[in-house]
Amino acid sequence: MPQTLLLAEDDRAIRHALERALTLEGYQVTAVADGVEALAQAHKSPPDVLVLDVMMPGIDGLQVCRVLRAEGDRTPILMLTALVETADRIAGLDAGADDYVVKPFDVEEVFARLRALLRRTSSTTGTASAAGTTGPGAPAGTTGPGAPAPGVREPEPPAERLLTAAGLRMDPQARRAWRGGRELELTRTEFELLELLVRNAGIVLDHSTIYDRIWGYDFGPGSKNLAVYVGYLRRKLDEPGAPQLIHTVRGVGYVLRED
């Protein structure tokens, strides 16, 4: 069965061209012109992946992201944006987007980013199913008989199930992470990036390696995508008076260590 894709783009020419290209690529595409239609269609028939333009009349792409994430919808979202400032990209990530493409874009880059998002979703779903969960990124044991009551936090798993480094603890099976006594609220991409760093604590990972492992595609030296995610992850990790954990090695990449 072809993978379903919901495209929301208010520019008619771009929408029609992208719809045709995605259809030829093998996706079953539903194309709409604004955020209101996007939300209605997502509720009516949830797609495998969404492609949302940021700037749309009425409800824009960021608002669509926020609504879907607030509803617990973890469908991967790729944003199309003409906004190139770092603050604009961070706003999209904060809203719940998984990745973005800057206009004007090469359609092959859109294809590559969609493939990477869907690969990650497929991998996460497989892990969740093996752990008895119902969707991508859902903590193990949160559904079905014997699940904890709403609002009651699960206890930490046994120590032998945890990855530990630099004062961090991670449970890849349940997709949970802690720094000290504080549990971290991480998106799917943030969790995967942190897990990669923890598994390679003390080792400098270059940009190409991280792009390949997390996104499945090296976006080249001009891309700021990784820097945006590292900055967002740092804000969730760092604590007043505590050492910084993720360090930049200029011209090379990043390393996790506790100085």
C-alpha atoms as a PDB file:
ATOM      1  CA  MET A   1       0.000   0.000   0.000  1.00  0.00           C
ATOM      2  CA  PRO A   2       1.333   3.494  -0.818  1.00  0.00           C
ATOM      3  CA  GLN A   3       2.114   5.731   2.129  1.00  0.00           C
ATOM      4  CA  THR A   4      -0.403   8.497   2.665  1.00  0.00           C
ATOM      5  CA  LEU A   5       0.716  12.110   2.746  1.00  0.00           C
ATOM      6  CA  LEU A   6      -1.202  15.259   3.638  1.00  0.00           C
ATOM      7  CA  LEU A   7       0.133  18.386   1.917  1.00  0.00           C
ATOM      8  CA  ALA A   8      -0.973  21.857   3.037  1.00  0.00           C
ATOM      9  CA  GLU A   9       0.310  24.729   0.872  1.00  0.00           C
ATOM     10  CA  ASP A  10      -1.555  27.940   0.040  1.00  0.00           C
ATOM     11  CA  ASP A  11       0.491  28.755  -3.083  1.00  0.00           C
ATOM     12  CA  ARG A  12      -1.483  27.031  -5.834  1.00  0.00           C
ATOM     13  CA  ALA A  13       1.454  26.578  -8.225  1.00  0.00           C
ATOM     14  CA  ILE A  14       3.708  25.080  -5.550  1.00  0.00           C
ATOM     15  CA  ARG A  15       0.882  22.897  -4.231  1.00  0.00           C
ATOM     16  CA  HIS A  16       0.045  21.444  -7.637  1.00  0.00           C
ATOM     17  CA  ALA A  17       3.695  20.903  -8.607  1.00  0.00           C
ATOM     18  CA  LEU A  18       4.562  19.258  -5.299  1.00  0.00           C
ATOM     19  CA  GLU A  19       1.401  17.146  -5.324  1.00  0.00           C
ATOM     20  CA  ARG A  20       2.278  15.812  -8.782  1.00  0.00           C
ATOM     21  CA  ALA A  21       5.920  15.145  -7.844  1.00  0.00           C
ATOM     22  CA  LEU A  22       4.972  13.324  -4.643  1.00  0.00           C
ATOM     23  CA  THR A  23       2.358  11.264  -6.450  1.00  0.00           C
ATOM     24  CA  LEU A  24       4.922  10.223  -9.060  1.00  0.00           C
ATOM     25  CA  GLU A  25       7.245   9.322  -6.190  1.00  0.00           C
ATOM     26  CA  GLY A  26       4.626   6.836  -5.016  1.00  0.00           C
ATOM     27  CA  TYR A  27       2.772   8.671  -2.244  1.00  0.00           C
ATOM     28  CA  GLN A  28      -1.004   8.793  -1.971  1.00  0.00           C
ATOM     29  CA  VAL A  29      -1.361  12.573  -1.661  1.00  0.00           C
ATOM     30  CA  THR A  30      -4.185  14.689  -0.292  1.00  0.00           C
ATOM     31  CA  ALA A  31      -3.498  18.378  -0.998  1.00  0.00           C
ATOM     32  CA  VAL A  32      -5.259  21.271   0.773  1.00  0.00           C
ATOM     33  CA  ALA A  33      -4.853  25.032   0.639  1.00  0.00           C
ATOM     34  CA  ASP A  34      -4.875  26.123   4.291  1.00  0.00           C
ATOM     35  CA  GLY A  35      -4.516  25.085   7.920  1.00  0.00           C
ATOM     36  CA  VAL A  36      -8.235  24.715   8.564  1.00  0.00           C
ATOM     37  CA  GLU A  37      -8.540  22.153   5.773  1.00  0.00           C
ATOM     38  CA  ALA A  38      -5.346  20.445   6.964  1.00  0.00           C
ATOM     39  CA  LEU A  39      -6.697  19.913  10.482  1.00  0.00           C
ATOM     40  CA  ALA A  40     -10.060  18.713   9.182  1.00  0.00           C
ATOM     41  CA  GLN A  41      -8.404  16.222   6.839  1.00  0.00           C
ATOM     42  CA  ALA A  42      -5.923  15.026   9.486  1.00  0.00           C
ATOM     43  CA  HIS A  43      -8.810  14.326  11.861  1.00  0.00           C
ATOM     44  CA  LYS A  44     -10.884  12.650   9.166  1.00  0.00           C
ATOM     45  CA  SER A  45      -8.161  10.409   7.755  1.00  0.00           C
ATOM     46  CA  PRO A  46      -4.809  10.546   9.615  1.00  0.00           C
ATOM     47  CA  PRO A  47      -1.918  10.339   7.105  1.00  0.00           C
ATOM     48  CA  ASP A  48       1.445   8.616   7.457  1.00  0.00           C
ATOM     49  CA  VAL A  49       3.246  11.963   7.142  1.00  0.00           C
ATOM     50  CA  LEU A  50       2.358  15.661   6.831  1.00  0.00           C
ATOM     51  CA  VAL A  51       4.010  18.381   4.744  1.00  0.00           C
ATOM     52  CA  LEU A  52       2.948  21.819   5.988  1.00  0.00           C
ATOM     53  CA  ASP A  53       3.718  25.290   4.694  1.00  0.00           C
ATOM     54  CA  VAL A  54       4.510  27.642   7.570  1.00  0.00           C
ATOM     55  CA  MET A  55       2.894  30.781   6.144  1.00  0.00           C
ATOM     56  CA  MET A  56      -0.772  30.107   5.383  1.00  0.00           C
ATOM     57  CA  PRO A  57      -3.816  32.347   5.847  1.00  0.00           C
ATOM     58  CA  GLY A  58      -6.002  31.778   8.916  1.00  0.00           C
ATOM     59  CA  ILE A  59      -4.424  28.855  10.742  1.00  0.00           C
ATOM     60  CA  ASP A  60      -0.769  28.633   9.727  1.00  0.00           C
ATOM     61  CA  GLY A  61       1.474  25.585   9.702  1.00  0.00           C
ATOM     62  CA  LEU A  62       2.844  26.248  13.198  1.00  0.00           C
ATOM     63  CA  GLN A  63      -0.657  26.346  14.653  1.00  0.00           C
ATOM     64  CA  VAL A  64      -1.554  23.103  12.869  1.00  0.00           C
ATOM     65  CA  CYS A  65       1.527  21.502  14.457  1.00  0.00           C
ATOM     66  CA  ARG A  66       0.623  22.745  17.928  1.00  0.00           C
ATOM     67  CA  VAL A  67      -2.972  21.504  17.697  1.00  0.00           C
ATOM     68  CA  LEU A  68      -1.990  18.033  16.495  1.00  0.00           C
ATOM     69  CA  ARG A  69       0.750  17.634  19.106  1.00  0.00           C
ATOM     70  CA  ALA A  70      -1.576  18.851  21.866  1.00  0.00           C
ATOM     71  CA  GLU A  71      -3.998  16.118  20.792  1.00  0.00           C
ATOM     72  CA  GLY A  72      -1.243  13.521  21.136  1.00  0.00           C
ATOM     73  CA  ASP A  73      -0.814  13.055  17.383  1.00  0.00           C
ATOM     74  CA  ARG A  74       2.798  11.985  16.720  1.00  0.00           C
ATOM     75  CA  THR A  75       2.572  11.799  12.921  1.00  0.00           C
ATOM     76  CA  PRO A  76       5.892  13.052  11.472  1.00  0.00           C
ATOM     77  CA  ILE A  77       5.687  16.611  10.147  1.00  0.00           C
ATOM     78  CA  LEU A  78       7.921  18.249   7.543  1.00  0.00           C
ATOM     79  CA  MET A  79       7.620  22.037   7.364  1.00  0.00           C
ATOM     80  CA  LEU A  80       8.056  24.135   4.204  1.00  0.00           C
ATOM     81  CA  THR A  81       9.279  27.604   5.076  1.00  0.00           C
ATOM     82  CA  ALA A  82      10.642  30.731   3.432  1.00  0.00           C
ATOM     83  CA  LEU A  83      11.881  31.857   6.868  1.00  0.00           C
ATOM     84  CA  VAL A  84      15.597  31.172   7.197  1.00  0.00           C
ATOM     85  CA  GLU A  85      16.502  32.764  10.547  1.00  0.00           C
ATOM     86  CA  THR A  86      17.475  30.379  13.344  1.00  0.00           C
ATOM     87  CA  ALA A  87      14.712  31.757  15.584  1.00  0.00           C
ATOM     88  CA  ASP A  88      12.128  30.879  12.923  1.00  0.00           C
ATOM     89  CA  ARG A  89      13.400  27.326  12.650  1.00  0.00           C
ATOM     90  CA  ILE A  90      13.376  26.972  16.437  1.00  0.00           C
ATOM     91  CA  ALA A  91       9.764  28.175  16.481  1.00  0.00           C
ATOM     92  CA  GLY A  92       8.858  25.353  14.109  1.00  0.00           C
ATOM     93  CA  LEU A  93      10.654  22.754  16.216  1.00  0.00           C
ATOM     94  CA  ASP A  94       9.031  24.129  19.378  1.00  0.00           C
ATOM     95  CA  ALA A  95       5.643  23.763  17.697  1.00  0.00           C
ATOM     96  CA  GLY A  96       6.310  20.061  17.186  1.00  0.00           C
ATOM     97  CA  ALA A  97       7.703  19.814  13.653  1.00  0.00           C
ATOM     98  CA  ASP A  98      10.221  17.040  13.005  1.00  0.00           C
ATOM     99  CA  ASP A  99      12.133  18.656  10.137  1.00  0.00           C
ATOM    100  CA  TYR A 100      11.960  21.547   7.693  1.00  0.00           C
ATOM    101  CA  VAL A 101      12.882  22.507   4.146  1.00  0.00           C
ATOM    102  CA  VAL A 102      13.668  26.094   3.196  1.00  0.00           C
ATOM    103  CA  LYS A 103      12.094  27.558   0.057  1.00  0.00           C
ATOM    104  CA  PRO A 104      13.057  27.534  -2.741  1.00  0.00           C
ATOM    105  CA  PHE A 105      13.793  23.837  -2.359  1.00  0.00           C
ATOM    106  CA  ASP A 106      14.936  20.963  -4.555  1.00  0.00           C
ATOM    107  CA  VAL A 107      12.164  18.373  -4.703  1.00  0.00           C
ATOM    108  CA  GLU A 108      14.789  15.617  -4.290  1.00  0.00           C
ATOM    109  CA  GLU A 109      15.635  17.076  -0.881  1.00  0.00           C
ATOM    110  CA  VAL A 110      11.956  16.903   0.091  1.00  0.00           C
ATOM    111  CA  PHE A 111      11.884  13.248  -0.970  1.00  0.00           C
ATOM    112  CA  ALA A 112      15.036  12.477   1.025  1.00  0.00           C
ATOM    113  CA  ARG A 113      13.769  14.125   4.188  1.00  0.00           C
ATOM    114  CA  LEU A 114      10.417  12.355   3.928  1.00  0.00           C
ATOM    115  CA  ARG A 115      12.149   8.992   3.504  1.00  0.00           C
ATOM    116  CA  ALA A 116      14.247   9.679   6.590  1.00  0.00           C
ATOM    117  CA  LEU A 117      11.213  10.688   8.668  1.00  0.00           C
ATOM    118  CA  LEU A 118       9.259   7.611   7.632  1.00  0.00           C
ATOM    119  CA  ARG A 119      12.217   5.299   8.318  1.00  0.00           C
ATOM    120  CA  ARG A 120      12.528   6.692  11.824  1.00  0.00           C
ATOM    121  CA  THR A 121       8.792   6.384  12.418  1.00  0.00           C
ATOM    122  CA  SER A 122       8.799   2.785  11.201  1.00  0.00           C
ATOM    123  CA  SER A 123      11.715   1.942  13.497  1.00  0.00           C
ATOM    124  CA  THR A 124      10.072   3.612  16.494  1.00  0.00           C
ATOM    125  CA  THR A 125       6.761   1.873  15.851  1.00  0.00           C
ATOM    126  CA  GLY A 126       8.482  -1.499  15.728  1.00  0.00           C
ATOM    127  CA  THR A 127      10.198  -0.862  19.075  1.00  0.00           C
ATOM    128  CA  ALA A 128       6.960   0.345  20.643  1.00  0.00           C
ATOM    129  CA  SER A 129       4.995  -2.660  19.387  1.00  0.00           C
ATOM    130  CA  ALA A 130       7.563  -5.049  20.834  1.00  0.00           C
ATOM    131  CA  ALA A 131       7.202  -3.276  24.180  1.00  0.00           C
ATOM    132  CA  GLY A 132       3.386  -3.458  24.114  1.00  0.00           C
ATOM    133  CA  THR A 133       2.667   0.176  23.223  1.00  0.00           C
ATOM    134  CA  THR A 134       0.246   1.662  20.754  1.00  0.00           C
ATOM    135  CA  GLY A 135       2.147   4.335  18.870  1.00  0.00           C
ATOM    136  CA  PRO A 136       5.494   5.904  18.029  1.00  0.00           C
ATOM    137  CA  GLY A 137       7.392   7.060  21.083  1.00  0.00           C
ATOM    138  CA  ALA A 138       4.792   5.916  23.623  1.00  0.00           C
ATOM    139  CA  PRO A 139       6.399   4.818  26.915  1.00  0.00           C
ATOM    140  CA  ALA A 140       6.373   1.095  27.544  1.00  0.00           C
ATOM    141  CA  GLY A 141       3.516  -0.179  29.650  1.00  0.00           C
ATOM    142  CA  THR A 142       1.309   2.888  29.303  1.00  0.00           C
ATOM    143  CA  THR A 143      -1.656   1.113  27.729  1.00  0.00           C
ATOM    144  CA  GLY A 144      -3.659  -2.020  28.353  1.00  0.00           C
ATOM    145  CA  PRO A 145      -4.345  -3.940  31.557  1.00  0.00           C
ATOM    146  CA  GLY A 146      -2.197  -2.961  34.489  1.00  0.00           C
ATOM    147  CA  ALA A 147      -1.231   0.428  33.008  1.00  0.00           C
ATOM    148  CA  PRO A 148      -0.661   3.251  35.508  1.00  0.00           C
ATOM    149  CA  ALA A 149      -3.554   5.611  36.124  1.00  0.00           C
ATOM    150  CA  PRO A 150      -3.555   8.902  34.200  1.00  0.00           C
ATOM    151  CA  GLY A 151      -1.266  11.453  35.846  1.00  0.00           C
ATOM    152  CA  VAL A 152       0.700   8.771  37.726  1.00  0.00           C
ATOM    153  CA  ARG A 153       4.309   8.633  36.535  1.00  0.00           C
ATOM    154  CA  GLU A 154       5.842   5.239  35.937  1.00  0.00           C
ATOM    155  CA  PRO A 155       8.748   4.253  38.198  1.00  0.00           C
ATOM    156  CA  GLU A 156      12.182   4.153  36.641  1.00  0.00           C
ATOM    157  CA  PRO A 157      13.080   0.840  34.957  1.00  0.00           C
ATOM    158  CA  PRO A 158      15.730  -1.528  36.355  1.00  0.00           C
ATOM    159  CA  ALA A 159      19.270  -0.149  36.221  1.00  0.00           C
ATOM    160  CA  GLU A 160      20.431  -2.874  33.833  1.00  0.00           C
ATOM    161  CA  ARG A 161      18.011  -1.547  31.195  1.00  0.00           C
ATOM    162  CA  LEU A 162      19.438   1.968  31.301  1.00  0.00           C
ATOM    163  CA  LEU A 163      22.110   3.723  29.279  1.00  0.00           C
ATOM    164  CA  THR A 164      24.148   6.021  31.515  1.00  0.00           C
ATOM    165  CA  ALA A 165      26.715   8.723  30.785  1.00  0.00           C
ATOM    166  CA  ALA A 166      27.635  12.158  32.153  1.00  0.00           C
ATOM    167  CA  GLY A 167      24.898  12.072  34.799  1.00  0.00           C
ATOM    168  CA  LEU A 168      22.228  11.115  32.265  1.00  0.00           C
ATOM    169  CA  ARG A 169      20.077   7.990  32.281  1.00  0.00           C
ATOM    170  CA  MET A 170      18.128   6.758  29.265  1.00  0.00           C
ATOM    171  CA  ASP A 171      15.689   3.914  28.717  1.00  0.00           C
ATOM    172  CA  PRO A 172      15.632   3.321  24.931  1.00  0.00           C
ATOM    173  CA  GLN A 173      12.829   0.771  25.225  1.00  0.00           C
ATOM    174  CA  ALA A 174      10.429   3.181  26.917  1.00  0.00           C
ATOM    175  CA  ARG A 175      12.012   6.269  25.296  1.00  0.00           C
ATOM    176  CA  ARG A 176      12.493   8.049  28.628  1.00  0.00           C
ATOM    177  CA  ALA A 177      15.478  10.067  29.851  1.00  0.00           C
ATOM    178  CA  TRP A 178      16.570  11.705  33.106  1.00  0.00           C
ATOM    179  CA  ARG A 179      19.214  14.122  34.311  1.00  0.00           C
ATOM    180  CA  GLY A 180      19.629  13.594  38.027  1.00  0.00           C
ATOM    181  CA  GLY A 181      16.145  13.375  39.498  1.00  0.00           C
ATOM    182  CA  ARG A 182      14.511  15.287  36.639  1.00  0.00           C
ATOM    183  CA  GLU A 183      12.818  13.468  33.775  1.00  0.00           C
ATOM    184  CA  LEU A 184      13.353  15.157  30.405  1.00  0.00           C
ATOM    185  CA  GLU A 185      10.481  15.843  28.028  1.00  0.00           C
ATOM    186  CA  LEU A 186      12.000  15.118  24.612  1.00  0.00           C
ATOM    187  CA  THR A 187      10.623  14.949  21.094  1.00  0.00           C
ATOM    188  CA  ARG A 188      11.388  11.891  18.972  1.00  0.00           C
ATOM    189  CA  THR A 189      14.309  13.566  17.202  1.00  0.00           C
ATOM    190  CA  GLU A 190      15.733  14.997  20.432  1.00  0.00           C
ATOM    191  CA  PHE A 191      15.609  11.574  22.079  1.00  0.00           C
ATOM    192  CA  GLU A 192      17.371   9.906  19.143  1.00  0.00           C
ATOM    193  CA  LEU A 193      20.056  12.606  19.065  1.00  0.00           C
ATOM    194  CA  LEU A 194      20.659  12.353  22.807  1.00  0.00           C
ATOM    195  CA  GLU A 195      20.752   8.545  22.659  1.00  0.00           C
ATOM    196  CA  LEU A 196      23.397   8.702  19.912  1.00  0.00           C
ATOM    197  CA  LEU A 197      25.523  11.056  22.030  1.00  0.00           C
ATOM    198  CA  VAL A 198      25.101   8.966  25.187  1.00  0.00           C
ATOM    199  CA  ARG A 199      26.059   5.746  23.406  1.00  0.00           C
ATOM    200  CA  ASN A 200      29.200   7.524  22.176  1.00  0.00           C
ATOM    201  CA  ALA A 201      29.961   9.578  25.304  1.00  0.00           C
ATOM    202  CA  GLY A 202      33.443  11.094  25.180  1.00  0.00           C
ATOM    203  CA  ILE A 203      33.721  10.529  21.429  1.00  0.00           C
ATOM    204  CA  VAL A 204      33.539  13.479  19.042  1.00  0.00           C
ATOM    205  CA  LEU A 205      30.885  12.741  16.401  1.00  0.00           C
ATOM    206  CA  ASP A 206      31.240  14.684  13.167  1.00  0.00           C
ATOM    207  CA  HIS A 207      28.308  16.414  11.500  1.00  0.00           C
ATOM    208  CA  SER A 208      28.057  13.901   8.648  1.00  0.00           C
ATOM    209  CA  THR A 209      27.886  10.941  11.022  1.00  0.00           C
ATOM    210  CA  ILE A 210      25.125  12.529  13.096  1.00  0.00           C
ATOM    211  CA  TYR A 211      23.099  13.537  10.043  1.00  0.00           C
ATOM    212  CA  ASP A 212      23.376  10.034   8.618  1.00  0.00           C
ATOM    213  CA  ARG A 213      22.437   8.289  11.885  1.00  0.00           C
ATOM    214  CA  ILE A 214      19.551  10.602  12.858  1.00  0.00           C
ATOM    215  CA  TRP A 215      18.128  11.841   9.559  1.00  0.00           C
ATOM    216  CA  GLY A 216      19.486   9.210   7.182  1.00  0.00           C
ATOM    217  CA  TYR A 217      20.736  11.969   4.904  1.00  0.00           C
ATOM    218  CA  ASP A 218      23.694  14.394   5.011  1.00  0.00           C
ATOM    219  CA  PHE A 219      22.336  17.866   4.293  1.00  0.00           C
ATOM    220  CA  GLY A 220      25.801  19.310   3.652  1.00  0.00           C
ATOM    221  CA  PRO A 221      28.013  21.889   5.373  1.00  0.00           C
ATOM    222  CA  GLY A 222      25.559  24.745   4.851  1.00  0.00           C
ATOM    223  CA  SER A 223      22.722  23.159   6.815  1.00  0.00           C
ATOM    224  CA  LYS A 224      21.855  24.546  10.266  1.00  0.00           C
ATOM    225  CA  ASN A 225      19.378  21.777  11.067  1.00  0.00           C
ATOM    226  CA  LEU A 226      21.693  19.940  13.471  1.00  0.00           C
ATOM    227  CA  ALA A 227      22.761  23.132  15.257  1.00  0.00           C
ATOM    228  CA  VAL A 228      19.117  24.021  15.852  1.00  0.00           C
ATOM    229  CA  TYR A 229      18.354  20.629  17.388  1.00  0.00           C
ATOM    230  CA  VAL A 230      21.494  20.686  19.550  1.00  0.00           C
ATOM    231  CA  GLY A 231      20.539  24.132  20.844  1.00  0.00           C
ATOM    232  CA  TYR A 232      17.027  22.979  21.635  1.00  0.00           C
ATOM    233  CA  LEU A 233      18.339  19.853  23.395  1.00  0.00           C
ATOM    234  CA  ARG A 234      20.805  21.891  25.435  1.00  0.00           C
ATOM    235  CA  ARG A 235      18.026  24.088  26.769  1.00  0.00           C
ATOM    236  CA  LYS A 236      16.255  20.985  28.070  1.00  0.00           C
ATOM    237  CA  LEU A 237      19.410  19.418  29.509  1.00  0.00           C
ATOM    238  CA  ASP A 238      21.237  22.336  31.075  1.00  0.00           C
ATOM    239  CA  GLU A 239      20.659  23.334  34.697  1.00  0.00           C
ATOM    240  CA  PRO A 240      21.845  26.412  36.635  1.00  0.00           C
ATOM    241  CA  GLY A 241      25.187  25.729  38.282  1.00  0.00           C
ATOM    242  CA  ALA A 242      25.540  22.325  36.578  1.00  0.00           C
ATOM    243  CA  PRO A 243      28.174  21.600  33.911  1.00  0.00           C
ATOM    244  CA  GLN A 244      27.181  21.731  30.257  1.00  0.00           C
ATOM    245  CA  LEU A 245      26.950  18.263  28.771  1.00  0.00           C
ATOM    246  CA  ILE A 246      26.933  18.727  24.989  1.00  0.00           C
ATOM    247  CA  HIS A 247      30.096  20.416  23.727  1.00  0.00           C
ATOM    248  CA  THR A 248      30.805  21.853  20.285  1.00  0.00           C
ATOM    249  CA  VAL A 249      34.078  20.891  18.624  1.00  0.00           C
ATOM    250  CA  ARG A 250      34.399  23.651  16.060  1.00  0.00           C
ATOM    251  CA  GLY A 251      34.699  22.495  12.498  1.00  0.00           C
ATOM    252  CA  VAL A 252      34.084  18.873  13.492  1.00  0.00           C
ATOM    253  CA  GLY A 253      30.909  18.145  15.433  1.00  0.00           C
ATOM    254  CA  TYR A 254      29.661  17.448  18.980  1.00  0.00           C
ATOM    255  CA  VAL A 255      30.626  15.369  22.013  1.00  0.00           C
ATOM    256  CA  LEU A 256      28.799  14.464  25.229  1.00  0.00           C
ATOM    257  CA  ARG A 257      30.936  14.745  28.349  1.00  0.00           C
ATOM    258  CA  GLU A 258      30.683  16.181  31.847  1.00  0.00           C
ATOM    259  CA  ASP A 259      33.614  18.527  32.475  1.00  0.00           C
END
